[in-house]
Amino acid sequence: MPTSLIMTSRTCGVIAFATGAAYWLGHDVPLNVHVALGVLLVCAVSGLAFIARTHAPGLALSAVLCAALVPLFGLMQVFTPIGGSPGFLQLVHVIVAVSAIGAAEALNKQLKRSAAM
């Protein structure tokens, strides 16, 4: 189960980044594809955090926090008034998403380490 979750987070993270960048650059990419991939990423990271909660509780909590912040900053971009600061929100959205993927990788490493013992 952790293998499928980490592969889902990796794959969805990369493709969500690519579709988000393409959308930002003005290409005709449906935004709902980016959002769906982001939802899958958040679910995969949260699932890994749930599995690893007894092995690394602090890391699991930070992974869930990052996963919860990804859609929050994504939605804030949609509802930012015109003339606001969407560039800053976009940067924070990407940083939090990369942090969530990194937390998933760390959780996966912790799960492998505890399984080897």
PDB file of N, CA and C in Angstrom:
ATOM      1  N   MET A   1       0.808  -1.211   0.000  1.00  0.00           N
ATOM      2  CA  MET A   1       0.000   0.000   0.000  1.00  0.00           C
ATOM      3  C   MET A   1       0.849   1.273   0.000  1.00  0.00           C
ATOM      4  N   PRO A   2       1.892   1.363   0.846  1.00  0.00           N
ATOM      5  CA  PRO A   2       2.701   2.590   0.802  1.00  0.00           C
ATOM      6  C   PRO A   2       3.365   2.807  -0.555  1.00  0.00           C
ATOM      7  N   THR A   3       3.703   1.714  -1.256  1.00  0.00           N
ATOM      8  CA  THR A   3       4.342   1.861  -2.566  1.00  0.00           C
ATOM      9  C   THR A   3       3.405   2.537  -3.559  1.00  0.00           C
ATOM     10  N   SER A   4       2.151   2.130  -3.569  1.00  0.00           N
ATOM     11  CA  SER A   4       1.210   2.750  -4.502  1.00  0.00           C
ATOM     12  C   SER A   4       0.943   4.205  -4.128  1.00  0.00           C
ATOM     13  N   LEU A   5       0.925   4.505  -2.826  1.00  0.00           N
ATOM     14  CA  LEU A   5       0.687   5.888  -2.401  1.00  0.00           C
ATOM     15  C   LEU A   5       1.862   6.795  -2.744  1.00  0.00           C
ATOM     16  N   ILE A   6       3.084   6.311  -2.547  1.00  0.00           N
ATOM     17  CA  ILE A   6       4.237   7.163  -2.863  1.00  0.00           C
ATOM     18  C   ILE A   6       4.357   7.349  -4.379  1.00  0.00           C
ATOM     19  N   MET A   7       4.062   6.311  -5.144  1.00  0.00           N
ATOM     20  CA  MET A   7       4.114   6.453  -6.606  1.00  0.00           C
ATOM     21  C   MET A   7       3.007   7.388  -7.101  1.00  0.00           C
ATOM     22  N   THR A   8       1.844   7.340  -6.465  1.00  0.00           N
ATOM     23  CA  THR A   8       0.762   8.258  -6.815  1.00  0.00           C
ATOM     24  C   THR A   8       1.163   9.687  -6.503  1.00  0.00           C
ATOM     25  N   SER A   9       1.780   9.908  -5.340  1.00  0.00           N
ATOM     26  CA  SER A   9       2.176  11.274  -4.983  1.00  0.00           C
ATOM     27  C   SER A   9       3.259  11.783  -5.923  1.00  0.00           C
ATOM     28  N   ARG A  10       4.196  10.937  -6.294  1.00  0.00           N
ATOM     29  CA  ARG A  10       5.251  11.355  -7.227  1.00  0.00           C
ATOM     30  C   ARG A  10       4.675  11.698  -8.595  1.00  0.00           C
ATOM     31  N   THR A  11       3.891  10.784  -9.124  1.00  0.00           N
ATOM     32  CA  THR A  11       3.341  10.960 -10.476  1.00  0.00           C
ATOM     33  C   THR A  11       2.396  12.154 -10.541  1.00  0.00           C
ATOM     34  N   CYS A  12       1.459  12.207  -9.618  1.00  0.00           N
ATOM     35  CA  CYS A  12       0.496  13.310  -9.624  1.00  0.00           C
ATOM     36  C   CYS A  12       1.177  14.640  -9.346  1.00  0.00           C
ATOM     37  N   GLY A  13       2.195  14.631  -8.491  1.00  0.00           N
ATOM     38  CA  GLY A  13       2.920  15.864  -8.211  1.00  0.00           C
ATOM     39  C   GLY A  13       3.608  16.425  -9.439  1.00  0.00           C
ATOM     40  N   VAL A  14       4.288  15.572 -10.169  1.00  0.00           N
ATOM     41  CA  VAL A  14       4.999  16.026 -11.376  1.00  0.00           C
ATOM     42  C   VAL A  14       4.016  16.489 -12.444  1.00  0.00           C
ATOM     43  N   ILE A  15       2.965  15.706 -12.680  1.00  0.00           N
ATOM     44  CA  ILE A  15       2.014  16.078 -13.728  1.00  0.00           C
ATOM     45  C   ILE A  15       1.214  17.317 -13.316  1.00  0.00           C
ATOM     46  N   ALA A  16       0.874  17.429 -12.021  1.00  0.00           N
ATOM     47  CA  ALA A  16       0.169  18.631 -11.559  1.00  0.00           C
ATOM     48  C   ALA A  16       1.056  19.864 -11.723  1.00  0.00           C
ATOM     49  N   PHE A  17       2.344  19.725 -11.432  1.00  0.00           N
ATOM     50  CA  PHE A  17       3.262  20.845 -11.637  1.00  0.00           C
ATOM     51  C   PHE A  17       3.317  21.232 -13.112  1.00  0.00           C
ATOM     52  N   ALA A  18       3.396  20.233 -13.991  1.00  0.00           N
ATOM     53  CA  ALA A  18       3.463  20.505 -15.425  1.00  0.00           C
ATOM     54  C   ALA A  18       2.181  21.164 -15.933  1.00  0.00           C
ATOM     55  N   THR A  19       1.026  20.661 -15.503  1.00  0.00           N
ATOM     56  CA  THR A  19      -0.231  21.258 -15.972  1.00  0.00           C
ATOM     57  C   THR A  19      -0.433  22.652 -15.380  1.00  0.00           C
ATOM     58  N   GLY A  20      -0.011  22.856 -14.136  1.00  0.00           N
ATOM     59  CA  GLY A  20      -0.106  24.185 -13.531  1.00  0.00           C
ATOM     60  C   GLY A  20       0.794  25.193 -14.235  1.00  0.00           C
ATOM     61  N   ALA A  21       2.012  24.764 -14.561  1.00  0.00           N
ATOM     62  CA  ALA A  21       2.934  25.649 -15.279  1.00  0.00           C
ATOM     63  C   ALA A  21       2.409  25.955 -16.680  1.00  0.00           C
ATOM     64  N   ALA A  22       1.853  24.946 -17.348  1.00  0.00           N
ATOM     65  CA  ALA A  22       1.295  25.164 -18.683  1.00  0.00           C
ATOM     66  C   ALA A  22       0.105  26.121 -18.626  1.00  0.00           C
ATOM     67  N   TYR A  23      -0.736  25.969 -17.617  1.00  0.00           N
ATOM     68  CA  TYR A  23      -1.876  26.872 -17.444  1.00  0.00           C
ATOM     69  C   TYR A  23      -1.392  28.296 -17.181  1.00  0.00           C
ATOM     70  N   TRP A  24      -0.387  28.423 -16.328  1.00  0.00           N
ATOM     71  CA  TRP A  24       0.173  29.735 -15.982  1.00  0.00           C
ATOM     72  C   TRP A  24       0.795  30.407 -17.204  1.00  0.00           C
ATOM     73  N   LEU A  25       1.400  29.606 -18.093  1.00  0.00           N
ATOM     74  CA  LEU A  25       2.026  30.148 -19.295  1.00  0.00           C
ATOM     75  C   LEU A  25       1.015  30.464 -20.393  1.00  0.00           C
ATOM     76  N   GLY A  26      -0.248  30.154 -20.155  1.00  0.00           N
ATOM     77  CA  GLY A  26      -1.290  30.519 -21.105  1.00  0.00           C
ATOM     78  C   GLY A  26      -1.678  29.425 -22.085  1.00  0.00           C
ATOM     79  N   HIS A  27      -1.183  28.228 -21.888  1.00  0.00           N
ATOM     80  CA  HIS A  27      -1.576  27.126 -22.768  1.00  0.00           C
ATOM     81  C   HIS A  27      -2.997  26.684 -22.426  1.00  0.00           C
ATOM     82  N   ASP A  28      -3.623  26.038 -23.385  1.00  0.00           N
ATOM     83  CA  ASP A  28      -5.018  25.635 -23.225  1.00  0.00           C
ATOM     84  C   ASP A  28      -5.101  24.321 -22.441  1.00  0.00           C
ATOM     85  N   VAL A  29      -4.835  24.402 -21.142  1.00  0.00           N
ATOM     86  CA  VAL A  29      -4.907  23.240 -20.256  1.00  0.00           C
ATOM     87  C   VAL A  29      -6.117  23.422 -19.351  1.00  0.00           C
ATOM     88  N   PRO A  30      -7.015  22.450 -19.318  1.00  0.00           N
ATOM     89  CA  PRO A  30      -8.164  22.591 -18.416  1.00  0.00           C
ATOM     90  C   PRO A  30      -7.696  22.640 -16.951  1.00  0.00           C
ATOM     91  N   LEU A  31      -8.156  23.622 -16.230  1.00  0.00           N
ATOM     92  CA  LEU A  31      -7.754  23.782 -14.842  1.00  0.00           C
ATOM     93  C   LEU A  31      -8.246  22.622 -13.981  1.00  0.00           C
ATOM     94  N   ASN A  32      -9.365  22.011 -14.371  1.00  0.00           N
ATOM     95  CA  ASN A  32      -9.888  20.902 -13.567  1.00  0.00           C
ATOM     96  C   ASN A  32      -8.975  19.677 -13.593  1.00  0.00           C
ATOM     97  N   VAL A  33      -8.148  19.535 -14.638  1.00  0.00           N
ATOM     98  CA  VAL A  33      -7.168  18.443 -14.675  1.00  0.00           C
ATOM     99  C   VAL A  33      -6.109  18.685 -13.595  1.00  0.00           C
ATOM    100  N   HIS A  34      -5.625  19.915 -13.513  1.00  0.00           N
ATOM    101  CA  HIS A  34      -4.648  20.291 -12.495  1.00  0.00           C
ATOM    102  C   HIS A  34      -5.234  20.087 -11.091  1.00  0.00           C
ATOM    103  N   VAL A  35      -6.469  20.483 -10.905  1.00  0.00           N
ATOM    104  CA  VAL A  35      -7.123  20.355  -9.599  1.00  0.00           C
ATOM    105  C   VAL A  35      -7.305  18.878  -9.240  1.00  0.00           C
ATOM    106  N   ALA A  36      -7.716  18.061 -10.193  1.00  0.00           N
ATOM    107  CA  ALA A  36      -7.921  16.628  -9.924  1.00  0.00           C
ATOM    108  C   ALA A  36      -6.604  15.954  -9.536  1.00  0.00           C
ATOM    109  N   LEU A  37      -5.536  16.306 -10.235  1.00  0.00           N
ATOM    110  CA  LEU A  37      -4.226  15.748  -9.887  1.00  0.00           C
ATOM    111  C   LEU A  37      -3.788  16.205  -8.500  1.00  0.00           C
ATOM    112  N   GLY A  38      -4.092  17.457  -8.172  1.00  0.00           N
ATOM    113  CA  GLY A  38      -3.775  17.967  -6.840  1.00  0.00           C
ATOM    114  C   GLY A  38      -4.547  17.250  -5.754  1.00  0.00           C
ATOM    115  N   VAL A  39      -5.805  16.948  -6.019  1.00  0.00           N
ATOM    116  CA  VAL A  39      -6.616  16.210  -5.046  1.00  0.00           C
ATOM    117  C   VAL A  39      -6.039  14.813  -4.831  1.00  0.00           C
ATOM    118  N   LEU A  40      -5.636  14.159  -5.914  1.00  0.00           N
ATOM    119  CA  LEU A  40      -5.015  12.835  -5.781  1.00  0.00           C
ATOM    120  C   LEU A  40      -3.711  12.919  -4.996  1.00  0.00           C
ATOM    121  N   LEU A  41      -2.931  13.962  -5.232  1.00  0.00           N
ATOM    122  CA  LEU A  41      -1.687  14.167  -4.492  1.00  0.00           C
ATOM    123  C   LEU A  41      -1.970  14.327  -2.997  1.00  0.00           C
ATOM    124  N   VAL A  42      -2.931  15.170  -2.668  1.00  0.00           N
ATOM    125  CA  VAL A  42      -3.275  15.409  -1.268  1.00  0.00           C
ATOM    126  C   VAL A  42      -3.779  14.125  -0.606  1.00  0.00           C
ATOM    127  N   CYS A  43      -4.591  13.359  -1.313  1.00  0.00           N
ATOM    128  CA  CYS A  43      -5.090  12.097  -0.755  1.00  0.00           C
ATOM    129  C   CYS A  43      -3.959  11.092  -0.543  1.00  0.00           C
ATOM    130  N   ALA A  44      -3.022  11.016  -1.487  1.00  0.00           N
ATOM    131  CA  ALA A  44      -1.901  10.084  -1.352  1.00  0.00           C
ATOM    132  C   ALA A  44      -1.002  10.466  -0.180  1.00  0.00           C
ATOM    133  N   VAL A  45      -0.700  11.753  -0.043  1.00  0.00           N
ATOM    134  CA  VAL A  45       0.143  12.205   1.068  1.00  0.00           C
ATOM    135  C   VAL A  45      -0.571  11.961   2.396  1.00  0.00           C
ATOM    136  N   SER A  46      -1.853  12.246   2.453  1.00  0.00           N
ATOM    137  CA  SER A  46      -2.618  12.020   3.678  1.00  0.00           C
ATOM    138  C   SER A  46      -2.692  10.529   4.017  1.00  0.00           C
ATOM    139  N   GLY A  47      -2.834   9.690   3.005  1.00  0.00           N
ATOM    140  CA  GLY A  47      -2.842   8.246   3.234  1.00  0.00           C
ATOM    141  C   GLY A  47      -1.524   7.742   3.782  1.00  0.00           C
ATOM    142  N   LEU A  48      -0.418   8.228   3.224  1.00  0.00           N
ATOM    143  CA  LEU A  48       0.894   7.864   3.756  1.00  0.00           C
ATOM    144  C   LEU A  48       1.056   8.336   5.195  1.00  0.00           C
ATOM    145  N   ALA A  49       0.580   9.543   5.468  1.00  0.00           N
ATOM    146  CA  ALA A  49       0.672  10.074   6.828  1.00  0.00           C
ATOM    147  C   ALA A  49      -0.149   9.216   7.791  1.00  0.00           C
ATOM    148  N   PHE A  50      -1.295   8.759   7.350  1.00  0.00           N
ATOM    149  CA  PHE A  50      -2.129   7.912   8.202  1.00  0.00           C
ATOM    150  C   PHE A  50      -1.426   6.590   8.503  1.00  0.00           C
ATOM    151  N   ILE A  51      -0.806   6.000   7.494  1.00  0.00           N
ATOM    152  CA  ILE A  51      -0.107   4.729   7.686  1.00  0.00           C
ATOM    153  C   ILE A  51       1.104   4.909   8.604  1.00  0.00           C
ATOM    154  N   ALA A  52       1.810   6.023   8.459  1.00  0.00           N
ATOM    155  CA  ALA A  52       3.050   6.244   9.204  1.00  0.00           C
ATOM    156  C   ALA A  52       2.848   6.979  10.523  1.00  0.00           C
ATOM    157  N   ARG A  53       1.629   7.188  10.940  1.00  0.00           N
ATOM    158  CA  ARG A  53       1.376   8.003  12.136  1.00  0.00           C
ATOM    159  C   ARG A  53       1.967   7.416  13.409  1.00  0.00           C
ATOM    160  N   THR A  54       2.114   6.114  13.484  1.00  0.00           N
ATOM    161  CA  THR A  54       2.699   5.520  14.690  1.00  0.00           C
ATOM    162  C   THR A  54       4.223   5.466  14.620  1.00  0.00           C
ATOM    163  N   HIS A  55       4.780   5.459  13.424  1.00  0.00           N
ATOM    164  CA  HIS A  55       6.232   5.382  13.256  1.00  0.00           C
ATOM    165  C   HIS A  55       6.897   6.754  13.337  1.00  0.00           C
ATOM    166  N   ALA A  56       6.236   7.755  12.811  1.00  0.00           N
ATOM    167  CA  ALA A  56       6.784   9.121  12.794  1.00  0.00           C
ATOM    168  C   ALA A  56       5.635  10.111  12.965  1.00  0.00           C
ATOM    169  N   PRO A  57       5.146  10.270  14.186  1.00  0.00           N
ATOM    170  CA  PRO A  57       3.953  11.109  14.386  1.00  0.00           C
ATOM    171  C   PRO A  57       4.155  12.583  14.021  1.00  0.00           C
ATOM    172  N   GLY A  58       5.311  13.132  14.327  1.00  0.00           N
ATOM    173  CA  GLY A  58       5.553  14.540  14.001  1.00  0.00           C
ATOM    174  C   GLY A  58       5.618  14.772  12.501  1.00  0.00           C
ATOM    175  N   LEU A  59       6.308  13.881  11.817  1.00  0.00           N
ATOM    176  CA  LEU A  59       6.411  13.984  10.362  1.00  0.00           C
ATOM    177  C   LEU A  59       5.050  13.758   9.709  1.00  0.00           C
ATOM    178  N   ALA A  60       4.275  12.833  10.239  1.00  0.00           N
ATOM    179  CA  ALA A  60       2.938  12.583   9.698  1.00  0.00           C
ATOM    180  C   ALA A  60       2.046  13.807   9.857  1.00  0.00           C
ATOM    181  N   LEU A  61       2.161  14.461  11.008  1.00  0.00           N
ATOM    182  CA  LEU A  61       1.373  15.671  11.240  1.00  0.00           C
ATOM    183  C   LEU A  61       1.780  16.795  10.296  1.00  0.00           C
ATOM    184  N   SER A  62       3.078  16.967  10.095  1.00  0.00           N
ATOM    185  CA  SER A  62       3.522  18.023   9.173  1.00  0.00           C
ATOM    186  C   SER A  62       3.129  17.699   7.736  1.00  0.00           C
ATOM    187  N   ALA A  63       3.124  16.417   7.366  1.00  0.00           N
ATOM    188  CA  ALA A  63       2.697  16.039   6.017  1.00  0.00           C
ATOM    189  C   ALA A  63       1.216  16.352   5.809  1.00  0.00           C
ATOM    190  N   VAL A  64       0.397  16.071   6.811  1.00  0.00           N
ATOM    191  CA  VAL A  64      -1.037  16.374   6.707  1.00  0.00           C
ATOM    192  C   VAL A  64      -1.246  17.882   6.634  1.00  0.00           C
ATOM    193  N   LEU A  65      -0.470  18.631   7.407  1.00  0.00           N
ATOM    194  CA  LEU A  65      -0.582  20.086   7.365  1.00  0.00           C
ATOM    195  C   LEU A  65      -0.221  20.625   5.981  1.00  0.00           C
ATOM    196  N   CYS A  66       0.883  20.154   5.422  1.00  0.00           N
ATOM    197  CA  CYS A  66       1.259  20.579   4.064  1.00  0.00           C
ATOM    198  C   CYS A  66       0.192  20.183   3.056  1.00  0.00           C
ATOM    199  N   ALA A  67      -0.311  18.959   3.191  1.00  0.00           N
ATOM    200  CA  ALA A  67      -1.332  18.483   2.258  1.00  0.00           C
ATOM    201  C   ALA A  67      -2.601  19.322   2.356  1.00  0.00           C
ATOM    202  N   ALA A  68      -2.937  19.784   3.555  1.00  0.00           N
ATOM    203  CA  ALA A  68      -4.133  20.611   3.718  1.00  0.00           C
ATOM    204  C   ALA A  68      -3.927  22.019   3.167  1.00  0.00           C
ATOM    205  N   LEU A  69      -2.697  22.498   3.211  1.00  0.00           N
ATOM    206  CA  LEU A  69      -2.429  23.852   2.731  1.00  0.00           C
ATOM    207  C   LEU A  69      -2.367  23.953   1.208  1.00  0.00           C
ATOM    208  N   VAL A  70      -2.075  22.851   0.535  1.00  0.00           N
ATOM    209  CA  VAL A  70      -1.973  22.880  -0.935  1.00  0.00           C
ATOM    210  C   VAL A  70      -3.275  23.365  -1.573  1.00  0.00           C
ATOM    211  N   PRO A  71      -4.435  22.741  -1.292  1.00  0.00           N
ATOM    212  CA  PRO A  71      -5.665  23.237  -1.921  1.00  0.00           C
ATOM    213  C   PRO A  71      -6.090  24.607  -1.392  1.00  0.00           C
ATOM    214  N   LEU A  72      -5.726  24.908  -0.150  1.00  0.00           N
ATOM    215  CA  LEU A  72      -6.078  26.210   0.403  1.00  0.00           C
ATOM    216  C   LEU A  72      -5.438  27.336  -0.404  1.00  0.00           C
ATOM    217  N   PHE A  73      -4.131  27.224  -0.647  1.00  0.00           N
ATOM    218  CA  PHE A  73      -3.461  28.256  -1.440  1.00  0.00           C
ATOM    219  C   PHE A  73      -3.869  28.210  -2.905  1.00  0.00           C
ATOM    220  N   GLY A  74      -4.247  27.027  -3.392  1.00  0.00           N
ATOM    221  CA  GLY A  74      -4.761  26.936  -4.759  1.00  0.00           C
ATOM    222  C   GLY A  74      -6.078  27.677  -4.914  1.00  0.00           C
ATOM    223  N   LEU A  75      -6.962  27.503  -3.951  1.00  0.00           N
ATOM    224  CA  LEU A  75      -8.252  28.198  -4.008  1.00  0.00           C
ATOM    225  C   LEU A  75      -8.096  29.695  -3.765  1.00  0.00           C
ATOM    226  N   MET A  76      -7.137  30.070  -2.956  1.00  0.00           N
ATOM    227  CA  MET A  76      -6.911  31.501  -2.719  1.00  0.00           C
ATOM    228  C   MET A  76      -6.529  32.217  -4.009  1.00  0.00           C
ATOM    229  N   GLN A  77      -5.865  31.523  -4.925  1.00  0.00           N
ATOM    230  CA  GLN A  77      -5.510  32.128  -6.208  1.00  0.00           C
ATOM    231  C   GLN A  77      -6.752  32.432  -7.029  1.00  0.00           C
ATOM    232  N   VAL A  78      -7.727  31.536  -6.947  1.00  0.00           N
ATOM    233  CA  VAL A  78      -8.956  31.706  -7.724  1.00  0.00           C
ATOM    234  C   VAL A  78      -9.752  32.892  -7.204  1.00  0.00           C
ATOM    235  N   PHE A  79      -9.764  33.078  -5.894  1.00  0.00           N
ATOM    236  CA  PHE A  79     -10.592  34.112  -5.290  1.00  0.00           C
ATOM    237  C   PHE A  79      -9.842  35.402  -4.968  1.00  0.00           C
ATOM    238  N   THR A  80      -8.609  35.537  -5.456  1.00  0.00           N
ATOM    239  CA  THR A  80      -7.865  36.781  -5.252  1.00  0.00           C
ATOM    240  C   THR A  80      -8.469  37.865  -6.132  1.00  0.00           C
ATOM    241  N   PRO A  81      -8.754  39.026  -5.560  1.00  0.00           N
ATOM    242  CA  PRO A  81      -9.304  40.099  -6.385  1.00  0.00           C
ATOM    243  C   PRO A  81      -8.311  40.534  -7.462  1.00  0.00           C
ATOM    244  N   ILE A  82      -8.850  41.008  -8.561  1.00  0.00           N
ATOM    245  CA  ILE A  82      -7.996  41.485  -9.652  1.00  0.00           C
ATOM    246  C   ILE A  82      -7.161  42.642  -9.122  1.00  0.00           C
ATOM    247  N   GLY A  83      -5.875  42.602  -9.422  1.00  0.00           N
ATOM    248  CA  GLY A  83      -4.965  43.617  -8.915  1.00  0.00           C
ATOM    249  C   GLY A  83      -4.329  43.193  -7.605  1.00  0.00           C
ATOM    250  N   GLY A  84      -4.712  42.012  -7.115  1.00  0.00           N
ATOM    251  CA  GLY A  84      -4.129  41.485  -5.890  1.00  0.00           C
ATOM    252  C   GLY A  84      -2.721  40.975  -6.170  1.00  0.00           C
ATOM    253  N   SER A  85      -2.278  40.050  -5.378  1.00  0.00           N
ATOM    254  CA  SER A  85      -0.927  39.521  -5.506  1.00  0.00           C
ATOM    255  C   SER A  85      -0.962  38.022  -5.822  1.00  0.00           C
ATOM    256  N   PRO A  86      -1.428  37.638  -7.024  1.00  0.00           N
ATOM    257  CA  PRO A  86      -1.520  36.209  -7.327  1.00  0.00           C
ATOM    258  C   PRO A  86      -0.151  35.552  -7.492  1.00  0.00           C
ATOM    259  N   GLY A  87       0.867  36.324  -7.881  1.00  0.00           N
ATOM    260  CA  GLY A  87       2.200  35.750  -8.052  1.00  0.00           C
ATOM    261  C   GLY A  87       2.747  35.199  -6.753  1.00  0.00           C
ATOM    262  N   PHE A  88       2.538  35.920  -5.664  1.00  0.00           N
ATOM    263  CA  PHE A  88       2.987  35.456  -4.353  1.00  0.00           C
ATOM    264  C   PHE A  88       2.240  34.189  -3.955  1.00  0.00           C
ATOM    265  N   LEU A  89       0.931  34.168  -4.176  1.00  0.00           N
ATOM    266  CA  LEU A  89       0.140  32.980  -3.837  1.00  0.00           C
ATOM    267  C   LEU A  89       0.554  31.776  -4.679  1.00  0.00           C
ATOM    268  N   GLN A  90       0.866  32.010  -5.948  1.00  0.00           N
ATOM    269  CA  GLN A  90       1.314  30.922  -6.811  1.00  0.00           C
ATOM    270  C   GLN A  90       2.626  30.340  -6.307  1.00  0.00           C
ATOM    271  N   LEU A  91       3.537  31.215  -5.897  1.00  0.00           N
ATOM    272  CA  LEU A  91       4.819  30.759  -5.372  1.00  0.00           C
ATOM    273  C   LEU A  91       4.623  29.949  -4.088  1.00  0.00           C
ATOM    274  N   VAL A  92       3.798  30.440  -3.184  1.00  0.00           N
ATOM    275  CA  VAL A  92       3.534  29.719  -1.934  1.00  0.00           C
ATOM    276  C   VAL A  92       2.852  28.384  -2.225  1.00  0.00           C
ATOM    277  N   HIS A  93       1.938  28.364  -3.178  1.00  0.00           N
ATOM    278  CA  HIS A  93       1.237  27.135  -3.567  1.00  0.00           C
ATOM    279  C   HIS A  93       2.239  26.083  -4.049  1.00  0.00           C
ATOM    280  N   VAL A  94       3.183  26.489  -4.883  1.00  0.00           N
ATOM    281  CA  VAL A  94       4.192  25.552  -5.396  1.00  0.00           C
ATOM    282  C   VAL A  94       5.106  25.082  -4.262  1.00  0.00           C
ATOM    283  N   ILE A  95       5.532  26.004  -3.393  1.00  0.00           N
ATOM    284  CA  ILE A  95       6.423  25.631  -2.288  1.00  0.00           C
ATOM    285  C   ILE A  95       5.742  24.639  -1.350  1.00  0.00           C
ATOM    286  N   VAL A  96       4.488  24.880  -1.027  1.00  0.00           N
ATOM    287  CA  VAL A  96       3.766  23.979  -0.126  1.00  0.00           C
ATOM    288  C   VAL A  96       3.544  22.622  -0.796  1.00  0.00           C
ATOM    289  N   ALA A  97       3.257  22.612  -2.095  1.00  0.00           N
ATOM    290  CA  ALA A  97       3.062  21.344  -2.807  1.00  0.00           C
ATOM    291  C   ALA A  97       4.351  20.531  -2.846  1.00  0.00           C
ATOM    292  N   VAL A  98       5.464  21.192  -3.123  1.00  0.00           N
ATOM    293  CA  VAL A  98       6.755  20.490  -3.128  1.00  0.00           C
ATOM    294  C   VAL A  98       7.088  19.994  -1.720  1.00  0.00           C
ATOM    295  N   SER A  99       6.740  20.778  -0.709  1.00  0.00           N
ATOM    296  CA  SER A  99       6.952  20.341   0.679  1.00  0.00           C
ATOM    297  C   SER A  99       6.114  19.109   1.000  1.00  0.00           C
ATOM    298  N   ALA A 100       4.893  19.062   0.507  1.00  0.00           N
ATOM    299  CA  ALA A 100       4.030  17.891   0.735  1.00  0.00           C
ATOM    300  C   ALA A 100       4.625  16.656   0.061  1.00  0.00           C
ATOM    301  N   ILE A 101       5.160  16.820  -1.142  1.00  0.00           N
ATOM    302  CA  ILE A 101       5.786  15.688  -1.830  1.00  0.00           C
ATOM    303  C   ILE A 101       7.033  15.242  -1.070  1.00  0.00           C
ATOM    304  N   GLY A 102       7.808  16.202  -0.590  1.00  0.00           N
ATOM    305  CA  GLY A 102       8.996  15.868   0.203  1.00  0.00           C
ATOM    306  C   GLY A 102       8.636  15.167   1.496  1.00  0.00           C
ATOM    307  N   ALA A 103       7.569  15.597   2.140  1.00  0.00           N
ATOM    308  CA  ALA A 103       7.113  14.931   3.367  1.00  0.00           C
ATOM    309  C   ALA A 103       6.669  13.503   3.061  1.00  0.00           C
ATOM    310  N   ALA A 104       6.024  13.302   1.921  1.00  0.00           N
ATOM    311  CA  ALA A 104       5.627  11.951   1.523  1.00  0.00           C
ATOM    312  C   ALA A 104       6.850  11.068   1.307  1.00  0.00           C
ATOM    313  N   GLU A 105       7.875  11.624   0.687  1.00  0.00           N
ATOM    314  CA  GLU A 105       9.114  10.865   0.488  1.00  0.00           C
ATOM    315  C   GLU A 105       9.748  10.498   1.826  1.00  0.00           C
ATOM    316  N   ALA A 106       9.774  11.445   2.766  1.00  0.00           N
ATOM    317  CA  ALA A 106      10.346  11.180   4.084  1.00  0.00           C
ATOM    318  C   ALA A 106       9.532  10.131   4.834  1.00  0.00           C
ATOM    319  N   LEU A 107       8.216  10.209   4.731  1.00  0.00           N
ATOM    320  CA  LEU A 107       7.366   9.202   5.366  1.00  0.00           C
ATOM    321  C   LEU A 107       7.619   7.819   4.768  1.00  0.00           C
ATOM    322  N   ASN A 108       7.761   7.762   3.468  1.00  0.00           N
ATOM    323  CA  ASN A 108       8.034   6.492   2.801  1.00  0.00           C
ATOM    324  C   ASN A 108       9.361   5.911   3.282  1.00  0.00           C
ATOM    325  N   LYS A 109      10.370   6.761   3.405  1.00  0.00           N
ATOM    326  CA  LYS A 109      11.672   6.308   3.891  1.00  0.00           C
ATOM    327  C   LYS A 109      11.555   5.793   5.326  1.00  0.00           C
ATOM    328  N   GLN A 110      10.797   6.485   6.158  1.00  0.00           N
ATOM    329  CA  GLN A 110      10.610   6.068   7.536  1.00  0.00           C
ATOM    330  C   GLN A 110       9.875   4.727   7.606  1.00  0.00           C
ATOM    331  N   LEU A 111       8.879   4.548   6.756  1.00  0.00           N
ATOM    332  CA  LEU A 111       8.149   3.281   6.736  1.00  0.00           C
ATOM    333  C   LEU A 111       9.048   2.127   6.291  1.00  0.00           C
ATOM    334  N   LYS A 112       9.900   2.370   5.298  1.00  0.00           N
ATOM    335  CA  LYS A 112      10.822   1.329   4.847  1.00  0.00           C
ATOM    336  C   LYS A 112      11.822   0.984   5.945  1.00  0.00           C
ATOM    337  N   ARG A 113      12.304   2.010   6.647  1.00  0.00           N
ATOM    338  CA  ARG A 113      13.266   1.788   7.715  1.00  0.00           C
ATOM    339  C   ARG A 113      12.642   0.973   8.857  1.00  0.00           C
ATOM    340  N   SER A 114      11.406   1.298   9.198  1.00  0.00           N
ATOM    341  CA  SER A 114      10.769   0.553  10.290  1.00  0.00           C
ATOM    342  C   SER A 114      10.363  -0.856   9.865  1.00  0.00           C
ATOM    343  N   ALA A 115      10.113  -1.061   8.588  1.00  0.00           N
ATOM    344  CA  ALA A 115       9.769  -2.414   8.098  1.00  0.00           C
ATOM    345  C   ALA A 115      11.000  -3.302   8.074  1.00  0.00           C
ATOM    346  N   ALA A 116      12.189  -2.701   7.900  1.00  0.00           N
ATOM    347  CA  ALA A 116      13.409  -3.485   7.842  1.00  0.00           C
ATOM    348  C   ALA A 116      13.835  -3.976   9.229  1.00  0.00           C
ATOM    349  N   MET A 117      13.334  -3.336  10.258  1.00  0.00           N
ATOM    350  CA  MET A 117      13.730  -3.721  11.626  1.00  0.00           C
ATOM    351  C   MET A 117      13.007  -4.942  12.097  1.00  0.00           C
TER     352      MET A 117
END
